[in-house]
Amino acid sequence: MGFLSKLFGGSKDAEKTALDLLKNLMNSDKKEDRKEEKKQEEAPAPAQDPSPVYDSTDSGPSGFSWGERMPAEENQYNYNGTYREYFEHIFRDDFSQYQLKAEPQPGGKRIVYTLFDLGRTVCVVEVMHQGSDSKKLREKCRRNGIGYCRFYHNHDGWWNTREYVVTRIKEAIG
């Protein structure tokens, strides 16, 4: 006597009805998942937070990426483009020896970049909203011996200067 048989007191009709309902429910969930995936693929990229305007008349210390004043060197906020374009510009110019895969995450507040060398993952870079609390990917990279670093694209006073970004990625690669 199976579980459903016990549950429905041996009634084969009730058993079959319950099984059919369960199958329909599972198929419905799969269809909804596929609809959601398709919707995410077709949806236009979410609007990015506008970049704040900062005073750069008095430059901060070069090579560092934090402080009250914007450093005079290239950084995320004085770059002529979005934060995503800024990071991808750095990947193209400073890490051109690697293949790059960009994966915008649902919600539009996080992008995961993966650097490959001959098909082997050498580094994962997360660029995320300061309110994000993602630890799962970092831990997975640590367990698998893959370089990892993260940058916040909207943290007040953190400039993501080019030198800072390049240095941290190089250190993560090893």
N, C-alpha and C. Protein backbone atom coordinates (compact mmCIF):
# COMPACT_ATOMS: atom_id res chain seq x y z
N MET A 1 0.84 -1.17 0.00
CA MET A 1 0.00 0.00 0.00
C MET A 1 0.89 1.23 0.00
N GLY A 2 0.74 2.09 -1.01
CA GLY A 2 1.56 3.28 -1.12
C GLY A 2 1.07 4.43 -0.27
N PHE A 3 1.84 5.50 -0.25
CA PHE A 3 1.53 6.67 0.55
C PHE A 3 0.18 7.28 0.18
N LEU A 4 -0.03 7.49 -1.14
CA LEU A 4 -1.30 8.08 -1.56
C LEU A 4 -2.47 7.17 -1.24
N SER A 5 -2.26 5.89 -1.38
CA SER A 5 -3.33 4.93 -1.08
C SER A 5 -3.72 5.03 0.40
N LYS A 6 -2.72 5.10 1.26
CA LYS A 6 -2.98 5.25 2.70
C LYS A 6 -3.68 6.58 2.97
N LEU A 7 -3.20 7.64 2.31
CA LEU A 7 -3.73 8.98 2.54
C LEU A 7 -5.20 9.07 2.14
N PHE A 8 -5.57 8.40 1.07
CA PHE A 8 -6.94 8.49 0.57
C PHE A 8 -7.76 7.25 0.88
N GLY A 9 -7.34 6.48 1.83
CA GLY A 9 -8.11 5.33 2.30
C GLY A 9 -8.34 4.27 1.24
N GLY A 10 -7.41 4.12 0.32
CA GLY A 10 -7.50 3.08 -0.69
C GLY A 10 -8.32 3.46 -1.91
N SER A 11 -8.86 4.67 -1.96
CA SER A 11 -9.68 5.10 -3.10
C SER A 11 -8.79 5.41 -4.29
N LYS A 12 -8.88 4.59 -5.31
CA LYS A 12 -8.06 4.78 -6.51
C LYS A 12 -8.42 6.07 -7.24
N ASP A 13 -9.70 6.43 -7.26
CA ASP A 13 -10.13 7.67 -7.93
C ASP A 13 -9.53 8.90 -7.24
N ALA A 14 -9.58 8.91 -5.93
CA ALA A 14 -9.01 10.04 -5.17
C ALA A 14 -7.50 10.10 -5.36
N GLU A 15 -6.89 8.91 -5.39
CA GLU A 15 -5.45 8.82 -5.61
C GLU A 15 -5.07 9.41 -6.96
N LYS A 16 -5.81 9.00 -8.00
CA LYS A 16 -5.52 9.48 -9.36
C LYS A 16 -5.75 10.98 -9.47
N THR A 17 -6.82 11.48 -8.88
CA THR A 17 -7.13 12.91 -8.91
C THR A 17 -6.02 13.72 -8.23
N ALA A 18 -5.57 13.25 -7.08
CA ALA A 18 -4.50 13.95 -6.36
C ALA A 18 -3.20 13.94 -7.16
N LEU A 19 -2.90 12.82 -7.77
CA LEU A 19 -1.69 12.70 -8.58
C LEU A 19 -1.75 13.64 -9.79
N ASP A 20 -2.91 13.68 -10.46
CA ASP A 20 -3.09 14.59 -11.59
C ASP A 20 -2.94 16.05 -11.18
N LEU A 21 -3.53 16.40 -10.04
CA LEU A 21 -3.42 17.78 -9.54
C LEU A 21 -1.96 18.14 -9.25
N LEU A 22 -1.25 17.21 -8.66
CA LEU A 22 0.15 17.44 -8.33
C LEU A 22 0.98 17.62 -9.60
N LYS A 23 0.73 16.78 -10.61
CA LYS A 23 1.45 16.91 -11.88
C LYS A 23 1.16 18.25 -12.54
N ASN A 24 -0.12 18.65 -12.56
CA ASN A 24 -0.49 19.93 -13.16
C ASN A 24 0.16 21.09 -12.43
N LEU A 25 0.20 21.01 -11.11
CA LEU A 25 0.82 22.07 -10.32
C LEU A 25 2.30 22.18 -10.63
N MET A 26 2.99 21.04 -10.73
CA MET A 26 4.42 21.05 -11.04
C MET A 26 4.67 21.60 -12.44
N ASN A 27 3.86 21.19 -13.41
CA ASN A 27 4.01 21.71 -14.77
C ASN A 27 3.72 23.19 -14.83
N SER A 28 2.74 23.64 -14.06
CA SER A 28 2.39 25.06 -14.02
C SER A 28 3.56 25.88 -13.49
N ASP A 29 4.22 25.37 -12.42
CA ASP A 29 5.38 26.07 -11.86
C ASP A 29 6.50 26.16 -12.89
N LYS A 30 6.72 25.06 -13.63
CA LYS A 30 7.78 25.06 -14.65
C LYS A 30 7.46 26.08 -15.74
N LYS A 31 6.19 26.15 -16.14
CA LYS A 31 5.79 27.11 -17.17
C LYS A 31 6.01 28.53 -16.67
N GLU A 32 5.65 28.80 -15.41
CA GLU A 32 5.84 30.13 -14.83
C GLU A 32 7.33 30.48 -14.78
N ASP A 33 8.17 29.50 -14.40
CA ASP A 33 9.62 29.74 -14.37
C ASP A 33 10.13 30.10 -15.76
N ARG A 34 9.65 29.35 -16.80
CA ARG A 34 10.09 29.64 -18.17
C ARG A 34 9.60 31.01 -18.61
N LYS A 35 8.35 31.37 -18.23
CA LYS A 35 7.82 32.70 -18.57
C LYS A 35 8.68 33.79 -17.93
N GLU A 36 9.03 33.59 -16.66
CA GLU A 36 9.84 34.58 -15.95
C GLU A 36 11.22 34.71 -16.58
N GLU A 37 11.84 33.57 -16.94
CA GLU A 37 13.16 33.61 -17.59
C GLU A 37 13.07 34.36 -18.92
N LYS A 38 12.03 34.08 -19.69
CA LYS A 38 11.86 34.74 -20.99
C LYS A 38 11.63 36.24 -20.80
N LYS A 39 10.83 36.59 -19.79
CA LYS A 39 10.55 37.99 -19.50
C LYS A 39 11.84 38.74 -19.15
N GLN A 40 12.72 38.09 -18.35
CA GLN A 40 13.99 38.71 -17.97
C GLN A 40 14.89 38.88 -19.17
N GLU A 41 14.88 37.90 -20.09
CA GLU A 41 15.72 37.98 -21.28
C GLU A 41 15.25 39.11 -22.20
N GLU A 42 13.92 39.28 -22.31
CA GLU A 42 13.37 40.26 -23.23
C GLU A 42 13.31 41.67 -22.63
N ALA A 43 13.33 41.76 -21.31
CA ALA A 43 13.17 43.05 -20.66
C ALA A 43 14.37 43.94 -20.96
N PRO A 44 14.11 45.24 -21.18
CA PRO A 44 15.23 46.15 -21.39
C PRO A 44 16.05 46.26 -20.10
N ALA A 45 17.30 46.60 -20.25
CA ALA A 45 18.17 46.74 -19.08
C ALA A 45 17.58 47.78 -18.15
N PRO A 46 17.56 47.51 -16.84
CA PRO A 46 16.98 48.47 -15.91
C PRO A 46 17.78 49.77 -15.91
N ALA A 47 17.07 50.84 -15.66
CA ALA A 47 17.74 52.14 -15.59
C ALA A 47 18.71 52.12 -14.42
N GLN A 48 19.87 52.69 -14.62
CA GLN A 48 20.86 52.71 -13.56
C GLN A 48 20.67 53.94 -12.70
N ASP A 49 21.07 53.79 -11.45
CA ASP A 49 21.01 54.94 -10.56
C ASP A 49 21.82 56.07 -11.16
N PRO A 50 21.30 57.29 -11.14
CA PRO A 50 22.09 58.38 -11.70
C PRO A 50 23.36 58.57 -10.88
N SER A 51 24.44 58.85 -11.56
CA SER A 51 25.70 59.08 -10.87
C SER A 51 25.65 60.42 -10.17
N PRO A 52 26.04 60.48 -8.90
CA PRO A 52 26.05 61.76 -8.22
C PRO A 52 27.13 62.66 -8.81
N VAL A 53 26.94 63.96 -8.66
CA VAL A 53 27.91 64.93 -9.14
C VAL A 53 28.82 65.28 -7.96
N TYR A 54 30.11 65.16 -8.16
CA TYR A 54 31.07 65.42 -7.09
C TYR A 54 32.02 66.55 -7.49
N ASP A 55 32.52 67.21 -6.47
CA ASP A 55 33.49 68.28 -6.67
C ASP A 55 34.86 67.65 -6.85
N SER A 56 35.52 67.94 -7.97
CA SER A 56 36.85 67.37 -8.19
C SER A 56 37.91 68.45 -8.22
N THR A 57 37.61 69.64 -7.69
CA THR A 57 38.58 70.73 -7.73
C THR A 57 39.81 70.43 -6.88
N ASP A 58 39.63 69.75 -5.79
CA ASP A 58 40.75 69.40 -4.93
C ASP A 58 40.86 67.88 -4.95
N SER A 59 41.85 67.36 -5.64
CA SER A 59 41.92 65.91 -5.83
C SER A 59 42.32 65.20 -4.55
N GLY A 60 41.83 63.98 -4.42
CA GLY A 60 42.19 63.14 -3.29
C GLY A 60 43.49 62.42 -3.58
N PRO A 61 43.91 61.58 -2.69
CA PRO A 61 45.17 60.86 -2.89
C PRO A 61 45.06 59.89 -4.07
N SER A 62 45.99 59.97 -4.99
CA SER A 62 45.99 59.12 -6.17
C SER A 62 46.26 57.68 -5.76
N GLY A 63 45.55 56.76 -6.40
CA GLY A 63 45.76 55.35 -6.12
C GLY A 63 44.84 54.82 -5.05
N PHE A 64 44.17 55.67 -4.34
CA PHE A 64 43.20 55.24 -3.35
C PHE A 64 41.82 55.52 -3.90
N SER A 65 40.85 54.83 -3.37
CA SER A 65 39.54 54.92 -3.97
C SER A 65 38.47 55.34 -2.97
N TRP A 66 38.83 56.07 -1.96
CA TRP A 66 37.84 56.51 -0.99
C TRP A 66 38.21 57.88 -0.46
N GLY A 67 37.26 58.54 0.11
CA GLY A 67 37.48 59.86 0.66
C GLY A 67 36.38 60.81 0.27
N GLU A 68 36.42 62.00 0.85
CA GLU A 68 35.36 62.99 0.60
C GLU A 68 35.48 63.66 -0.76
N ARG A 69 36.69 63.78 -1.27
CA ARG A 69 36.88 64.47 -2.55
C ARG A 69 37.22 63.46 -3.65
N MET A 70 36.69 63.75 -4.83
CA MET A 70 36.95 62.87 -5.96
C MET A 70 38.41 62.96 -6.39
N PRO A 71 39.09 61.83 -6.52
CA PRO A 71 40.47 61.84 -7.02
C PRO A 71 40.50 62.36 -8.46
N ALA A 72 41.62 62.99 -8.82
CA ALA A 72 41.76 63.54 -10.17
C ALA A 72 41.90 62.44 -11.22
N GLU A 73 42.33 61.25 -10.81
CA GLU A 73 42.51 60.17 -11.78
C GLU A 73 41.17 59.57 -12.21
N GLU A 74 41.22 58.80 -13.30
CA GLU A 74 40.01 58.19 -13.83
C GLU A 74 39.33 57.35 -12.77
N ASN A 75 38.01 57.54 -12.65
CA ASN A 75 37.23 56.75 -11.72
C ASN A 75 35.82 56.59 -12.25
N GLN A 76 35.04 55.84 -11.56
CA GLN A 76 33.69 55.52 -11.99
C GLN A 76 32.83 56.77 -12.20
N TYR A 77 33.06 57.82 -11.42
CA TYR A 77 32.18 58.99 -11.47
C TYR A 77 32.61 60.06 -12.47
N ASN A 78 33.87 60.05 -12.88
CA ASN A 78 34.26 61.02 -13.91
C ASN A 78 34.39 60.36 -15.28
N TYR A 79 34.07 59.06 -15.36
CA TYR A 79 34.07 58.35 -16.62
C TYR A 79 32.81 58.74 -17.40
N ASN A 80 32.97 58.89 -18.70
CA ASN A 80 31.84 59.30 -19.54
C ASN A 80 31.01 58.08 -19.93
N GLY A 81 30.25 57.56 -18.98
CA GLY A 81 29.41 56.40 -19.21
C GLY A 81 28.87 55.87 -17.90
N THR A 82 28.13 54.77 -17.97
CA THR A 82 27.55 54.16 -16.78
C THR A 82 28.62 53.38 -16.02
N TYR A 83 28.28 52.98 -14.81
CA TYR A 83 29.25 52.18 -14.04
C TYR A 83 29.56 50.88 -14.77
N ARG A 84 28.58 50.30 -15.42
CA ARG A 84 28.82 49.06 -16.17
C ARG A 84 29.80 49.31 -17.31
N GLU A 85 29.61 50.40 -18.06
CA GLU A 85 30.52 50.73 -19.16
C GLU A 85 31.93 51.00 -18.63
N TYR A 86 32.01 51.62 -17.45
CA TYR A 86 33.31 51.91 -16.85
C TYR A 86 34.06 50.61 -16.55
N PHE A 87 33.41 49.68 -15.88
CA PHE A 87 34.09 48.42 -15.53
C PHE A 87 34.43 47.61 -16.78
N GLU A 88 33.55 47.59 -17.76
CA GLU A 88 33.83 46.83 -18.98
C GLU A 88 34.96 47.47 -19.78
N HIS A 89 35.10 48.79 -19.69
CA HIS A 89 36.22 49.51 -20.30
C HIS A 89 37.54 49.04 -19.66
N ILE A 90 37.54 48.90 -18.35
CA ILE A 90 38.74 48.42 -17.65
C ILE A 90 39.05 46.98 -18.04
N PHE A 91 38.03 46.14 -18.09
CA PHE A 91 38.27 44.74 -18.49
C PHE A 91 38.86 44.68 -19.90
N ARG A 92 38.33 45.47 -20.82
CA ARG A 92 38.84 45.46 -22.21
C ARG A 92 40.28 45.95 -22.27
N ASP A 93 40.59 47.02 -21.56
CA ASP A 93 41.92 47.64 -21.66
C ASP A 93 42.99 46.95 -20.82
N ASP A 94 42.64 46.53 -19.62
CA ASP A 94 43.64 46.01 -18.70
C ASP A 94 43.65 44.49 -18.55
N PHE A 95 42.61 43.84 -19.02
CA PHE A 95 42.53 42.39 -18.87
C PHE A 95 42.12 41.75 -20.20
N SER A 96 42.63 42.29 -21.29
CA SER A 96 42.25 41.82 -22.62
C SER A 96 42.76 40.40 -22.91
N GLN A 97 43.70 39.91 -22.11
CA GLN A 97 44.21 38.55 -22.32
C GLN A 97 43.20 37.49 -21.86
N TYR A 98 42.13 37.92 -21.17
CA TYR A 98 41.12 37.00 -20.67
C TYR A 98 39.83 37.15 -21.47
N GLN A 99 39.07 36.06 -21.53
CA GLN A 99 37.73 36.13 -22.08
C GLN A 99 36.83 36.62 -20.95
N LEU A 100 35.83 37.41 -21.31
CA LEU A 100 34.95 38.02 -20.31
C LEU A 100 33.51 37.60 -20.55
N LYS A 101 32.85 37.25 -19.45
CA LYS A 101 31.41 36.97 -19.50
C LYS A 101 30.74 37.88 -18.48
N ALA A 102 29.74 38.66 -18.93
CA ALA A 102 29.00 39.55 -18.04
C ALA A 102 27.60 38.98 -17.85
N GLU A 103 27.19 38.87 -16.58
CA GLU A 103 25.87 38.34 -16.26
C GLU A 103 25.12 39.30 -15.35
N PRO A 104 24.29 40.18 -15.94
CA PRO A 104 23.46 41.03 -15.08
C PRO A 104 22.50 40.15 -14.28
N GLN A 105 22.37 40.41 -13.02
CA GLN A 105 21.51 39.61 -12.16
C GLN A 105 20.11 40.22 -12.08
N PRO A 106 19.11 39.40 -11.80
CA PRO A 106 17.74 39.92 -11.70
C PRO A 106 17.66 41.07 -10.71
N GLY A 107 16.89 42.05 -11.04
CA GLY A 107 16.73 43.22 -10.17
C GLY A 107 17.59 44.39 -10.59
N GLY A 108 18.57 44.16 -11.43
CA GLY A 108 19.39 45.24 -11.98
C GLY A 108 20.36 45.91 -11.02
N LYS A 109 20.61 45.31 -9.87
CA LYS A 109 21.51 45.95 -8.90
C LYS A 109 22.86 45.25 -8.78
N ARG A 110 23.06 44.21 -9.60
CA ARG A 110 24.30 43.45 -9.48
C ARG A 110 24.66 42.83 -10.82
N ILE A 111 25.95 42.89 -11.16
CA ILE A 111 26.46 42.25 -12.37
C ILE A 111 27.63 41.37 -11.94
N VAL A 112 27.64 40.15 -12.45
CA VAL A 112 28.74 39.23 -12.17
C VAL A 112 29.57 39.09 -13.44
N TYR A 113 30.85 39.46 -13.33
CA TYR A 113 31.78 39.31 -14.45
C TYR A 113 32.68 38.12 -14.14
N THR A 114 32.90 37.29 -15.14
CA THR A 114 33.79 36.16 -14.98
C THR A 114 34.90 36.27 -16.02
N LEU A 115 36.14 36.16 -15.57
CA LEU A 115 37.31 36.19 -16.45
C LEU A 115 37.79 34.75 -16.64
N PHE A 116 37.99 34.38 -17.91
CA PHE A 116 38.43 33.03 -18.26
C PHE A 116 39.77 33.09 -18.96
N ASP A 117 40.58 32.06 -18.75
CA ASP A 117 41.82 31.88 -19.49
C ASP A 117 41.80 30.46 -20.03
N LEU A 118 41.68 30.33 -21.34
CA LEU A 118 41.60 29.02 -22.01
C LEU A 118 40.48 28.16 -21.41
N GLY A 119 39.34 28.79 -21.16
CA GLY A 119 38.18 28.08 -20.63
C GLY A 119 38.16 27.87 -19.13
N ARG A 120 39.25 28.20 -18.47
CA ARG A 120 39.34 28.04 -17.00
C ARG A 120 39.00 29.36 -16.33
N THR A 121 38.10 29.33 -15.36
CA THR A 121 37.73 30.54 -14.62
C THR A 121 38.90 30.97 -13.75
N VAL A 122 39.36 32.22 -13.94
CA VAL A 122 40.48 32.72 -13.13
C VAL A 122 40.04 33.74 -12.10
N CYS A 123 38.90 34.40 -12.36
CA CYS A 123 38.45 35.41 -11.41
C CYS A 123 36.98 35.73 -11.64
N VAL A 124 36.28 35.99 -10.54
CA VAL A 124 34.90 36.44 -10.59
C VAL A 124 34.86 37.81 -9.92
N VAL A 125 34.25 38.77 -10.60
CA VAL A 125 34.15 40.14 -10.09
C VAL A 125 32.67 40.50 -10.00
N GLU A 126 32.23 40.85 -8.79
CA GLU A 126 30.85 41.30 -8.60
C GLU A 126 30.86 42.82 -8.50
N VAL A 127 30.00 43.45 -9.26
CA VAL A 127 29.78 44.89 -9.14
C VAL A 127 28.34 45.02 -8.69
N MET A 128 28.16 45.54 -7.49
CA MET A 128 26.84 45.49 -6.89
C MET A 128 26.45 46.75 -6.15
N HIS A 129 25.16 46.88 -5.90
CA HIS A 129 24.56 47.96 -5.14
C HIS A 129 24.97 47.80 -3.69
N GLN A 130 25.25 48.89 -3.00
CA GLN A 130 25.73 48.78 -1.63
C GLN A 130 24.74 48.09 -0.70
N GLY A 131 23.46 48.06 -1.05
CA GLY A 131 22.47 47.39 -0.22
C GLY A 131 22.43 45.89 -0.42
N SER A 132 23.19 45.38 -1.37
CA SER A 132 23.19 43.95 -1.63
C SER A 132 23.99 43.23 -0.56
N ASP A 133 23.53 42.04 -0.24
CA ASP A 133 24.22 41.25 0.77
C ASP A 133 24.42 39.84 0.22
N SER A 134 25.30 39.74 -0.75
CA SER A 134 25.51 38.47 -1.43
C SER A 134 26.81 37.85 -0.95
N LYS A 135 26.71 36.72 -0.29
CA LYS A 135 27.91 36.04 0.21
C LYS A 135 28.10 34.69 -0.46
N LYS A 136 27.04 34.17 -1.05
CA LYS A 136 27.06 32.82 -1.61
C LYS A 136 28.12 32.66 -2.70
N LEU A 137 28.18 33.60 -3.64
CA LEU A 137 29.14 33.51 -4.74
C LEU A 137 30.57 33.63 -4.23
N ARG A 138 30.79 34.55 -3.31
CA ARG A 138 32.14 34.72 -2.73
C ARG A 138 32.61 33.43 -2.07
N GLU A 139 31.73 32.80 -1.31
CA GLU A 139 32.09 31.55 -0.63
C GLU A 139 32.34 30.42 -1.63
N LYS A 140 31.52 30.37 -2.68
CA LYS A 140 31.71 29.34 -3.71
C LYS A 140 33.08 29.50 -4.38
N CYS A 141 33.45 30.74 -4.70
CA CYS A 141 34.76 30.99 -5.31
C CYS A 141 35.89 30.58 -4.35
N ARG A 142 35.75 30.94 -3.08
CA ARG A 142 36.77 30.59 -2.09
C ARG A 142 36.95 29.08 -2.01
N ARG A 143 35.82 28.34 -1.95
CA ARG A 143 35.89 26.88 -1.86
C ARG A 143 36.54 26.26 -3.09
N ASN A 144 36.34 26.88 -4.26
CA ASN A 144 36.87 26.32 -5.51
C ASN A 144 38.22 26.90 -5.91
N GLY A 145 38.80 27.75 -5.06
CA GLY A 145 40.11 28.32 -5.36
C GLY A 145 40.10 29.29 -6.53
N ILE A 146 38.99 29.99 -6.71
CA ILE A 146 38.87 30.96 -7.80
C ILE A 146 38.97 32.36 -7.22
N GLY A 147 39.76 33.22 -7.86
CA GLY A 147 39.90 34.59 -7.41
C GLY A 147 38.55 35.30 -7.42
N TYR A 148 38.35 36.17 -6.44
CA TYR A 148 37.08 36.88 -6.32
C TYR A 148 37.31 38.27 -5.77
N CYS A 149 36.59 39.25 -6.29
CA CYS A 149 36.54 40.56 -5.65
C CYS A 149 35.20 41.23 -5.97
N ARG A 150 34.87 42.20 -5.17
CA ARG A 150 33.59 42.88 -5.31
C ARG A 150 33.80 44.38 -5.22
N PHE A 151 32.97 45.09 -5.98
CA PHE A 151 32.98 46.55 -5.95
C PHE A 151 31.53 47.02 -5.82
N TYR A 152 31.33 48.07 -5.02
CA TYR A 152 30.00 48.67 -4.91
C TYR A 152 29.95 49.86 -5.87
N HIS A 153 28.92 49.89 -6.70
CA HIS A 153 28.84 50.95 -7.71
C HIS A 153 28.15 52.21 -7.20
N ASN A 154 27.66 52.22 -5.97
CA ASN A 154 26.95 53.40 -5.49
C ASN A 154 27.25 53.73 -4.03
N HIS A 155 28.40 53.33 -3.56
CA HIS A 155 28.74 53.59 -2.15
C HIS A 155 29.36 54.98 -2.03
N ASP A 156 28.72 55.84 -1.25
CA ASP A 156 29.16 57.23 -1.10
C ASP A 156 30.61 57.30 -0.62
N GLY A 157 31.43 58.05 -1.34
CA GLY A 157 32.82 58.24 -0.97
C GLY A 157 33.78 57.18 -1.49
N TRP A 158 33.27 56.16 -2.16
CA TRP A 158 34.12 55.13 -2.76
C TRP A 158 34.10 55.37 -4.26
N TRP A 159 35.26 55.69 -4.80
CA TRP A 159 35.35 56.19 -6.18
C TRP A 159 35.62 55.12 -7.22
N ASN A 160 36.10 53.96 -6.83
CA ASN A 160 36.48 52.92 -7.78
C ASN A 160 37.43 53.49 -8.84
N THR A 161 38.53 54.08 -8.34
CA THR A 161 39.52 54.60 -9.28
C THR A 161 40.07 53.45 -10.10
N ARG A 162 40.52 53.78 -11.28
CA ARG A 162 41.02 52.75 -12.19
C ARG A 162 42.15 51.95 -11.54
N GLU A 163 43.11 52.64 -10.94
CA GLU A 163 44.24 51.95 -10.32
C GLU A 163 43.77 51.00 -9.22
N TYR A 164 42.81 51.44 -8.43
CA TYR A 164 42.27 50.62 -7.35
C TYR A 164 41.59 49.37 -7.92
N VAL A 165 40.75 49.53 -8.93
CA VAL A 165 40.03 48.41 -9.52
C VAL A 165 41.01 47.42 -10.15
N VAL A 166 41.95 47.93 -10.95
CA VAL A 166 42.93 47.07 -11.62
C VAL A 166 43.77 46.31 -10.59
N THR A 167 44.22 46.99 -9.58
CA THR A 167 45.07 46.37 -8.55
C THR A 167 44.32 45.27 -7.83
N ARG A 168 43.09 45.53 -7.44
CA ARG A 168 42.31 44.51 -6.72
C ARG A 168 42.02 43.29 -7.58
N ILE A 169 41.71 43.50 -8.86
CA ILE A 169 41.44 42.36 -9.74
C ILE A 169 42.72 41.55 -9.94
N LYS A 170 43.85 42.24 -10.17
CA LYS A 170 45.12 41.53 -10.34
C LYS A 170 45.46 40.72 -9.09
N GLU A 171 45.23 41.28 -7.91
CA GLU A 171 45.50 40.56 -6.66
C GLU A 171 44.59 39.33 -6.55
N ALA A 172 43.34 39.47 -6.98
CA ALA A 172 42.40 38.34 -6.90
C ALA A 172 42.82 37.23 -7.86
N ILE A 173 43.33 37.61 -9.02
CA ILE A 173 43.78 36.61 -10.00
C ILE A 173 45.01 35.88 -9.47
N GLY A 174 45.88 36.64 -8.78
CA GLY A 174 47.06 36.02 -8.17
C GLY A 174 48.28 36.13 -8.94
